[in-house]
Amino acid sequence: MNESSLTERGQISVPAALRKAMKLTTGERFRWERISDQELRVSIALKQPQGPMSVLGYARKLRTGPPRRTEAWMAELRASERED
């Protein structure tokens, strides 16, 4: 049976045999569910989307002020084209 110990900081290591068999990687996220007083269920959380859509939350942090309408963006772009 695969066993591991709980550290003082509340951390648990996944045994190497299980990590290899399930192809787990660094940063993998897990979901914990209490089944009873003596039992927990651990499942692998779904991975976050990768690619261009994954930066949307980050991009929102960079924007200052209220959201801009498309017309405002287009006017700014057209003004910069006239300056060139």
PDB file of N, CA and C in Angstrom:
ATOM      1  N   MET A   1       0.846  -1.186   0.000  1.00  0.00           N
ATOM      2  CA  MET A   1       0.000   0.000   0.000  1.00  0.00           C
ATOM      3  C   MET A   1       0.882   1.236   0.000  1.00  0.00           C
ATOM      4  N   ASN A   2       0.473   2.248  -0.739  1.00  0.00           N
ATOM      5  CA  ASN A   2       1.195   3.520  -0.786  1.00  0.00           C
ATOM      6  C   ASN A   2       0.769   4.381   0.391  1.00  0.00           C
ATOM      7  N   GLU A   3       1.749   4.862   1.156  1.00  0.00           N
ATOM      8  CA  GLU A   3       1.455   5.706   2.313  1.00  0.00           C
ATOM      9  C   GLU A   3       2.353   6.940   2.284  1.00  0.00           C
ATOM     10  N   SER A   4       1.895   8.004   2.938  1.00  0.00           N
ATOM     11  CA  SER A   4       2.706   9.198   3.125  1.00  0.00           C
ATOM     12  C   SER A   4       2.313   9.831   4.447  1.00  0.00           C
ATOM     13  N   SER A   5       3.125  10.770   4.929  1.00  0.00           N
ATOM     14  CA  SER A   5       2.888  11.415   6.225  1.00  0.00           C
ATOM     15  C   SER A   5       2.521  12.879   6.026  1.00  0.00           C
ATOM     16  N   LEU A   6       1.735  13.387   6.949  1.00  0.00           N
ATOM     17  CA  LEU A   6       1.355  14.796   6.970  1.00  0.00           C
ATOM     18  C   LEU A   6       2.443  15.576   7.695  1.00  0.00           C
ATOM     19  N   THR A   7       2.970  16.640   7.077  1.00  0.00           N
ATOM     20  CA  THR A   7       4.012  17.444   7.716  1.00  0.00           C
ATOM     21  C   THR A   7       3.382  18.464   8.660  1.00  0.00           C
ATOM     22  N   GLU A   8       4.238  19.170   9.407  1.00  0.00           N
ATOM     23  CA  GLU A   8       3.765  20.216  10.321  1.00  0.00           C
ATOM     24  C   GLU A   8       3.039  21.318   9.566  1.00  0.00           C
ATOM     25  N   ARG A   9       3.399  21.534   8.317  1.00  0.00           N
ATOM     26  CA  ARG A   9       2.786  22.594   7.507  1.00  0.00           C
ATOM     27  C   ARG A   9       1.545  22.115   6.765  1.00  0.00           C
ATOM     28  N   GLY A  10       1.103  20.889   7.021  1.00  0.00           N
ATOM     29  CA  GLY A  10      -0.104  20.374   6.390  1.00  0.00           C
ATOM     30  C   GLY A  10       0.116  19.838   4.987  1.00  0.00           C
ATOM     31  N   GLN A  11       1.350  19.493   4.649  1.00  0.00           N
ATOM     32  CA  GLN A  11       1.659  19.002   3.311  1.00  0.00           C
ATOM     33  C   GLN A  11       1.737  17.481   3.296  1.00  0.00           C
ATOM     34  N   ILE A  12       1.340  16.896   2.174  1.00  0.00           N
ATOM     35  CA  ILE A  12       1.404  15.447   1.965  1.00  0.00           C
ATOM     36  C   ILE A  12       2.076  15.202   0.625  1.00  0.00           C
ATOM     37  N   SER A  13       2.992  14.243   0.588  1.00  0.00           N
ATOM     38  CA  SER A  13       3.645  13.872  -0.667  1.00  0.00           C
ATOM     39  C   SER A  13       2.882  12.735  -1.317  1.00  0.00           C
ATOM     40  N   VAL A  14       2.752  12.799  -2.629  1.00  0.00           N
ATOM     41  CA  VAL A  14       2.143  11.702  -3.384  1.00  0.00           C
ATOM     42  C   VAL A  14       3.260  10.690  -3.638  1.00  0.00           C
ATOM     43  N   PRO A  15       3.067   9.436  -3.269  1.00  0.00           N
ATOM     44  CA  PRO A  15       4.111   8.436  -3.478  1.00  0.00           C
ATOM     45  C   PRO A  15       4.568   8.384  -4.941  1.00  0.00           C
ATOM     46  N   ALA A  16       5.871   8.182  -5.139  1.00  0.00           N
ATOM     47  CA  ALA A  16       6.476   8.216  -6.474  1.00  0.00           C
ATOM     48  C   ALA A  16       5.810   7.247  -7.440  1.00  0.00           C
ATOM     49  N   ALA A  17       5.475   6.058  -6.992  1.00  0.00           N
ATOM     50  CA  ALA A  17       4.855   5.065  -7.884  1.00  0.00           C
ATOM     51  C   ALA A  17       3.530   5.590  -8.440  1.00  0.00           C
ATOM     52  N   LEU A  18       2.758   6.270  -7.591  1.00  0.00           N
ATOM     53  CA  LEU A  18       1.481   6.833  -8.049  1.00  0.00           C
ATOM     54  C   LEU A  18       1.699   8.025  -8.976  1.00  0.00           C
ATOM     55  N   ARG A  19       2.677   8.885  -8.644  1.00  0.00           N
ATOM     56  CA  ARG A  19       2.978  10.031  -9.511  1.00  0.00           C
ATOM     57  C   ARG A  19       3.343   9.574 -10.914  1.00  0.00           C
ATOM     58  N   LYS A  20       4.181   8.542 -10.982  1.00  0.00           N
ATOM     59  CA  LYS A  20       4.610   8.038 -12.289  1.00  0.00           C
ATOM     60  C   LYS A  20       3.466   7.368 -13.027  1.00  0.00           C
ATOM     61  N   ALA A  21       2.697   6.552 -12.334  1.00  0.00           N
ATOM     62  CA  ALA A  21       1.586   5.829 -12.974  1.00  0.00           C
ATOM     63  C   ALA A  21       0.522   6.776 -13.503  1.00  0.00           C
ATOM     64  N   MET A  22       0.279   7.867 -12.787  1.00  0.00           N
ATOM     65  CA  MET A  22      -0.753   8.819 -13.191  1.00  0.00           C
ATOM     66  C   MET A  22      -0.189   9.991 -13.984  1.00  0.00           C
ATOM     67  N   LYS A  23       1.134   9.978 -14.228  1.00  0.00           N
ATOM     68  CA  LYS A  23       1.809  11.033 -14.997  1.00  0.00           C
ATOM     69  C   LYS A  23       1.536  12.424 -14.417  1.00  0.00           C
ATOM     70  N   LEU A  24       1.662  12.549 -13.092  1.00  0.00           N
ATOM     71  CA  LEU A  24       1.446  13.826 -12.418  1.00  0.00           C
ATOM     72  C   LEU A  24       2.681  14.704 -12.579  1.00  0.00           C
ATOM     73  N   THR A  25       2.464  15.990 -12.722  1.00  0.00           N
ATOM     74  CA  THR A  25       3.562  16.928 -12.916  1.00  0.00           C
ATOM     75  C   THR A  25       3.554  17.989 -11.819  1.00  0.00           C
ATOM     76  N   THR A  26       4.657  18.709 -11.719  1.00  0.00           N
ATOM     77  CA  THR A  26       4.772  19.792 -10.740  1.00  0.00           C
ATOM     78  C   THR A  26       3.674  20.826 -10.986  1.00  0.00           C
ATOM     79  N   GLY A  27       3.061  21.281  -9.911  1.00  0.00           N
ATOM     80  CA  GLY A  27       2.003  22.284 -10.032  1.00  0.00           C
ATOM     81  C   GLY A  27       0.619  21.698 -10.237  1.00  0.00           C
ATOM     82  N   GLU A  28       0.533  20.371 -10.345  1.00  0.00           N
ATOM     83  CA  GLU A  28      -0.776  19.719 -10.519  1.00  0.00           C
ATOM     84  C   GLU A  28      -1.663  20.079  -9.334  1.00  0.00           C
ATOM     85  N   ARG A  29      -2.931  20.306  -9.588  1.00  0.00           N
ATOM     86  CA  ARG A  29      -3.871  20.688  -8.524  1.00  0.00           C
ATOM     87  C   ARG A  29      -4.782  19.508  -8.210  1.00  0.00           C
ATOM     88  N   PHE A  30      -5.161  19.411  -6.924  1.00  0.00           N
ATOM     89  CA  PHE A  30      -5.988  18.298  -6.460  1.00  0.00           C
ATOM     90  C   PHE A  30      -7.222  18.828  -5.754  1.00  0.00           C
ATOM     91  N   ARG A  31      -8.267  18.065  -5.810  1.00  0.00           N
ATOM     92  CA  ARG A  31      -9.526  18.387  -5.122  1.00  0.00           C
ATOM     93  C   ARG A  31      -9.698  17.347  -3.999  1.00  0.00           C
ATOM     94  N   TRP A  32      -9.968  17.832  -2.810  1.00  0.00           N
ATOM     95  CA  TRP A  32     -10.138  16.963  -1.641  1.00  0.00           C
ATOM     96  C   TRP A  32     -11.606  16.954  -1.235  1.00  0.00           C
ATOM     97  N   GLU A  33     -12.090  15.768  -0.879  1.00  0.00           N
ATOM     98  CA  GLU A  33     -13.481  15.619  -0.444  1.00  0.00           C
ATOM     99  C   GLU A  33     -13.524  14.712   0.778  1.00  0.00           C
ATOM    100  N   ARG A  34     -14.176  15.177   1.812  1.00  0.00           N
ATOM    101  CA  ARG A  34     -14.313  14.362   3.018  1.00  0.00           C
ATOM    102  C   ARG A  34     -15.441  13.364   2.810  1.00  0.00           C
ATOM    103  N   ILE A  35     -15.139  12.088   2.948  1.00  0.00           N
ATOM    104  CA  ILE A  35     -16.130  11.023   2.783  1.00  0.00           C
ATOM    105  C   ILE A  35     -16.715  10.634   4.139  1.00  0.00           C
ATOM    106  N   SER A  36     -15.849  10.469   5.134  1.00  0.00           N
ATOM    107  CA  SER A  36     -16.279  10.139   6.499  1.00  0.00           C
ATOM    108  C   SER A  36     -15.203  10.632   7.460  1.00  0.00           C
ATOM    109  N   ASP A  37     -15.315  10.288   8.739  1.00  0.00           N
ATOM    110  CA  ASP A  37     -14.313  10.704   9.723  1.00  0.00           C
ATOM    111  C   ASP A  37     -12.947  10.071   9.465  1.00  0.00           C
ATOM    112  N   GLN A  38     -12.907   8.963   8.736  1.00  0.00           N
ATOM    113  CA  GLN A  38     -11.663   8.245   8.493  1.00  0.00           C
ATOM    114  C   GLN A  38     -11.285   8.143   7.020  1.00  0.00           C
ATOM    115  N   GLU A  39     -12.007   8.847   6.149  1.00  0.00           N
ATOM    116  CA  GLU A  39     -11.770   8.664   4.720  1.00  0.00           C
ATOM    117  C   GLU A  39     -11.861   9.987   3.957  1.00  0.00           C
ATOM    118  N   LEU A  40     -10.889  10.191   3.061  1.00  0.00           N
ATOM    119  CA  LEU A  40     -10.863  11.340   2.171  1.00  0.00           C
ATOM    120  C   LEU A  40     -10.763  10.840   0.740  1.00  0.00           C
ATOM    121  N   ARG A  41     -11.329  11.581  -0.184  1.00  0.00           N
ATOM    122  CA  ARG A  41     -11.184  11.266  -1.606  1.00  0.00           C
ATOM    123  C   ARG A  41     -10.382  12.406  -2.240  1.00  0.00           C
ATOM    124  N   VAL A  42      -9.352  12.021  -2.970  1.00  0.00           N
ATOM    125  CA  VAL A  42      -8.510  12.992  -3.661  1.00  0.00           C
ATOM    126  C   VAL A  42      -8.672  12.757  -5.152  1.00  0.00           C
ATOM    127  N   SER A  43      -8.959  13.815  -5.898  1.00  0.00           N
ATOM    128  CA  SER A  43      -9.059  13.690  -7.351  1.00  0.00           C
ATOM    129  C   SER A  43      -8.230  14.806  -7.982  1.00  0.00           C
ATOM    130  N   ILE A  44      -7.828  14.589  -9.204  1.00  0.00           N
ATOM    131  CA  ILE A  44      -7.046  15.578  -9.928  1.00  0.00           C
ATOM    132  C   ILE A  44      -8.004  16.641 -10.459  1.00  0.00           C
ATOM    133  N   ALA A  45      -7.715  17.898 -10.119  1.00  0.00           N
ATOM    134  CA  ALA A  45      -8.559  19.004 -10.583  1.00  0.00           C
ATOM    135  C   ALA A  45      -8.319  19.209 -12.077  1.00  0.00           C
ATOM    136  N   LEU A  46      -9.342  19.668 -12.763  1.00  0.00           N
ATOM    137  CA  LEU A  46      -9.199  19.936 -14.188  1.00  0.00           C
ATOM    138  C   LEU A  46      -8.171  21.031 -14.402  1.00  0.00           C
ATOM    139  N   LYS A  47      -7.365  20.872 -15.422  1.00  0.00           N
ATOM    140  CA  LYS A  47      -6.337  21.862 -15.717  1.00  0.00           C
ATOM    141  C   LYS A  47      -6.977  23.127 -16.273  1.00  0.00           C
ATOM    142  N   GLN A  48      -6.348  24.251 -15.956  1.00  0.00           N
ATOM    143  CA  GLN A  48      -6.814  25.538 -16.456  1.00  0.00           C
ATOM    144  C   GLN A  48      -6.516  25.631 -17.944  1.00  0.00           C
ATOM    145  N   PRO A  49      -7.342  26.336 -18.684  1.00  0.00           N
ATOM    146  CA  PRO A  49      -7.103  26.459 -20.120  1.00  0.00           C
ATOM    147  C   PRO A  49      -5.781  27.153 -20.411  1.00  0.00           C
ATOM    148  N   GLN A  50      -5.137  26.715 -21.474  1.00  0.00           N
ATOM    149  CA  GLN A  50      -3.889  27.317 -21.918  1.00  0.00           C
ATOM    150  C   GLN A  50      -4.152  28.069 -23.215  1.00  0.00           C
ATOM    151  N   GLY A  51      -3.247  28.915 -23.590  1.00  0.00           N
ATOM    152  CA  GLY A  51      -3.394  29.634 -24.842  1.00  0.00           C
ATOM    153  C   GLY A  51      -3.846  31.055 -24.624  1.00  0.00           C
ATOM    154  N   PRO A  52      -4.270  31.716 -25.700  1.00  0.00           N
ATOM    155  CA  PRO A  52      -4.576  33.142 -25.612  1.00  0.00           C
ATOM    156  C   PRO A  52      -5.698  33.471 -24.626  1.00  0.00           C
ATOM    157  N   MET A  53      -6.677  32.592 -24.480  1.00  0.00           N
ATOM    158  CA  MET A  53      -7.799  32.891 -23.591  1.00  0.00           C
ATOM    159  C   MET A  53      -7.389  32.849 -22.116  1.00  0.00           C
ATOM    160  N   SER A  54      -6.278  32.191 -21.795  1.00  0.00           N
ATOM    161  CA  SER A  54      -5.867  32.071 -20.403  1.00  0.00           C
ATOM    162  C   SER A  54      -5.328  33.379 -19.829  1.00  0.00           C
ATOM    163  N   VAL A  55      -5.011  34.358 -20.662  1.00  0.00           N
ATOM    164  CA  VAL A  55      -4.456  35.621 -20.170  1.00  0.00           C
ATOM    165  C   VAL A  55      -5.530  36.676 -19.926  1.00  0.00           C
ATOM    166  N   LEU A  56      -6.778  36.371 -20.193  1.00  0.00           N
ATOM    167  CA  LEU A  56      -7.823  37.385 -20.049  1.00  0.00           C
ATOM    168  C   LEU A  56      -7.904  37.944 -18.636  1.00  0.00           C
ATOM    169  N   GLY A  57      -7.828  37.089 -17.632  1.00  0.00           N
ATOM    170  CA  GLY A  57      -7.874  37.573 -16.256  1.00  0.00           C
ATOM    171  C   GLY A  57      -6.696  38.484 -15.938  1.00  0.00           C
ATOM    172  N   TYR A  58      -5.527  38.133 -16.444  1.00  0.00           N
ATOM    173  CA  TYR A  58      -4.338  38.943 -16.218  1.00  0.00           C
ATOM    174  C   TYR A  58      -4.471  40.288 -16.931  1.00  0.00           C
ATOM    175  N   ALA A  59      -4.966  40.285 -18.150  1.00  0.00           N
ATOM    176  CA  ALA A  59      -5.099  41.513 -18.924  1.00  0.00           C
ATOM    177  C   ALA A  59      -6.055  42.494 -18.243  1.00  0.00           C
ATOM    178  N   ARG A  60      -7.073  41.982 -17.582  1.00  0.00           N
ATOM    179  CA  ARG A  60      -8.018  42.873 -16.889  1.00  0.00           C
ATOM    180  C   ARG A  60      -7.316  43.674 -15.788  1.00  0.00           C
ATOM    181  N   LYS A  61      -6.298  43.084 -15.161  1.00  0.00           N
ATOM    182  CA  LYS A  61      -5.574  43.779 -14.098  1.00  0.00           C
ATOM    183  C   LYS A  61      -4.803  44.975 -14.638  1.00  0.00           C
ATOM    184  N   LEU A  62      -4.406  44.925 -15.893  1.00  0.00           N
ATOM    185  CA  LEU A  62      -3.624  46.001 -16.490  1.00  0.00           C
ATOM    186  C   LEU A  62      -4.474  47.188 -16.914  1.00  0.00           C
ATOM    187  N   ARG A  63      -5.756  46.938 -17.159  1.00  0.00           N
ATOM    188  CA  ARG A  63      -6.641  48.004 -17.633  1.00  0.00           C
ATOM    189  C   ARG A  63      -6.990  48.927 -16.471  1.00  0.00           C
ATOM    190  N   THR A  64      -6.900  50.209 -16.706  1.00  0.00           N
ATOM    191  CA  THR A  64      -7.287  51.180 -15.683  1.00  0.00           C
ATOM    192  C   THR A  64      -8.512  51.937 -16.171  1.00  0.00           C
ATOM    193  N   GLY A  65      -9.313  52.359 -15.259  1.00  0.00           N
ATOM    194  CA  GLY A  65     -10.514  53.115 -15.618  1.00  0.00           C
ATOM    195  C   GLY A  65     -11.643  52.208 -16.086  1.00  0.00           C
ATOM    196  N   PRO A  66     -12.737  52.823 -16.498  1.00  0.00           N
ATOM    197  CA  PRO A  66     -13.895  52.039 -16.934  1.00  0.00           C
ATOM    198  C   PRO A  66     -13.620  51.357 -18.283  1.00  0.00           C
ATOM    199  N   PRO A  67     -14.346  50.300 -18.590  1.00  0.00           N
ATOM    200  CA  PRO A  67     -14.166  49.628 -19.882  1.00  0.00           C
ATOM    201  C   PRO A  67     -14.432  50.598 -21.035  1.00  0.00           C
ATOM    202  N   ARG A  68     -13.674  50.433 -22.115  1.00  0.00           N
ATOM    203  CA  ARG A  68     -13.843  51.312 -23.273  1.00  0.00           C
ATOM    204  C   ARG A  68     -14.679  50.617 -24.329  1.00  0.00           C
ATOM    205  N   ARG A  69     -15.456  51.387 -25.030  1.00  0.00           N
ATOM    206  CA  ARG A  69     -16.286  50.847 -26.104  1.00  0.00           C
ATOM    207  C   ARG A  69     -15.431  50.694 -27.358  1.00  0.00           C
ATOM    208  N   THR A  70     -15.867  49.862 -28.259  1.00  0.00           N
ATOM    209  CA  THR A  70     -15.146  49.609 -29.502  1.00  0.00           C
ATOM    210  C   THR A  70     -14.918  50.898 -30.283  1.00  0.00           C
ATOM    211  N   GLU A  71     -15.916  51.772 -30.288  1.00  0.00           N
ATOM    212  CA  GLU A  71     -15.787  53.026 -31.024  1.00  0.00           C
ATOM    213  C   GLU A  71     -14.607  53.852 -30.514  1.00  0.00           C
ATOM    214  N   ALA A  72     -14.403  53.863 -29.213  1.00  0.00           N
ATOM    215  CA  ALA A  72     -13.298  54.622 -28.632  1.00  0.00           C
ATOM    216  C   ALA A  72     -11.951  54.031 -29.057  1.00  0.00           C
ATOM    217  N   TRP A  73     -11.856  52.719 -29.063  1.00  0.00           N
ATOM    218  CA  TRP A  73     -10.614  52.067 -29.511  1.00  0.00           C
ATOM    219  C   TRP A  73     -10.346  52.399 -30.985  1.00  0.00           C
ATOM    220  N   MET A  74     -11.369  52.297 -31.795  1.00  0.00           N
ATOM    221  CA  MET A  74     -11.206  52.556 -33.228  1.00  0.00           C
ATOM    222  C   MET A  74     -10.789  54.005 -33.481  1.00  0.00           C
ATOM    223  N   ALA A  75     -11.371  54.938 -32.755  1.00  0.00           N
ATOM    224  CA  ALA A  75     -11.014  56.353 -32.926  1.00  0.00           C
ATOM    225  C   ALA A  75      -9.546  56.574 -32.563  1.00  0.00           C
ATOM    226  N   GLU A  76      -9.082  55.928 -31.494  1.00  0.00           N
ATOM    227  CA  GLU A  76      -7.679  56.056 -31.094  1.00  0.00           C
ATOM    228  C   GLU A  76      -6.751  55.463 -32.157  1.00  0.00           C
ATOM    229  N   LEU A  77      -7.106  54.299 -32.685  1.00  0.00           N
ATOM    230  CA  LEU A  77      -6.294  53.671 -33.734  1.00  0.00           C
ATOM    231  C   LEU A  77      -6.232  54.522 -34.986  1.00  0.00           C
ATOM    232  N   ARG A  78      -7.380  55.054 -35.394  1.00  0.00           N
ATOM    233  CA  ARG A  78      -7.414  55.878 -36.603  1.00  0.00           C
ATOM    234  C   ARG A  78      -6.625  57.171 -36.424  1.00  0.00           C
ATOM    235  N   ALA A  79      -6.673  57.750 -35.226  1.00  0.00           N
ATOM    236  CA  ALA A  79      -5.919  58.968 -34.944  1.00  0.00           C
ATOM    237  C   ALA A  79      -4.420  58.703 -35.039  1.00  0.00           C
ATOM    238  N   SER A  80      -3.971  57.562 -34.554  1.00  0.00           N
ATOM    239  CA  SER A  80      -2.541  57.250 -34.620  1.00  0.00           C
ATOM    240  C   SER A  80      -2.119  56.957 -36.052  1.00  0.00           C
ATOM    241  N   GLU A  81      -3.021  56.446 -36.897  1.00  0.00           N
ATOM    242  CA  GLU A  81      -2.683  56.213 -38.305  1.00  0.00           C
ATOM    243  C   GLU A  81      -2.476  57.543 -39.035  1.00  0.00           C
ATOM    244  N   ARG A  82      -3.258  58.551 -38.679  1.00  0.00           N
ATOM    245  CA  ARG A  82      -3.139  59.865 -39.324  1.00  0.00           C
ATOM    246  C   ARG A  82      -1.830  60.560 -38.948  1.00  0.00           C
ATOM    247  N   GLU A  83      -1.319  60.252 -37.757  1.00  0.00           N
ATOM    248  CA  GLU A  83      -0.084  60.880 -37.277  1.00  0.00           C
ATOM    249  C   GLU A  83       1.134  60.351 -38.032  1.00  0.00           C
ATOM    250  N   ASP A  84       1.070  59.149 -38.552  1.00  0.00           N
ATOM    251  CA  ASP A  84       2.221  58.534 -39.236  1.00  0.00           C
ATOM    252  C   ASP A  84       2.462  59.117 -40.558  1.00  0.00           C
TER     253      ASP A  84
END
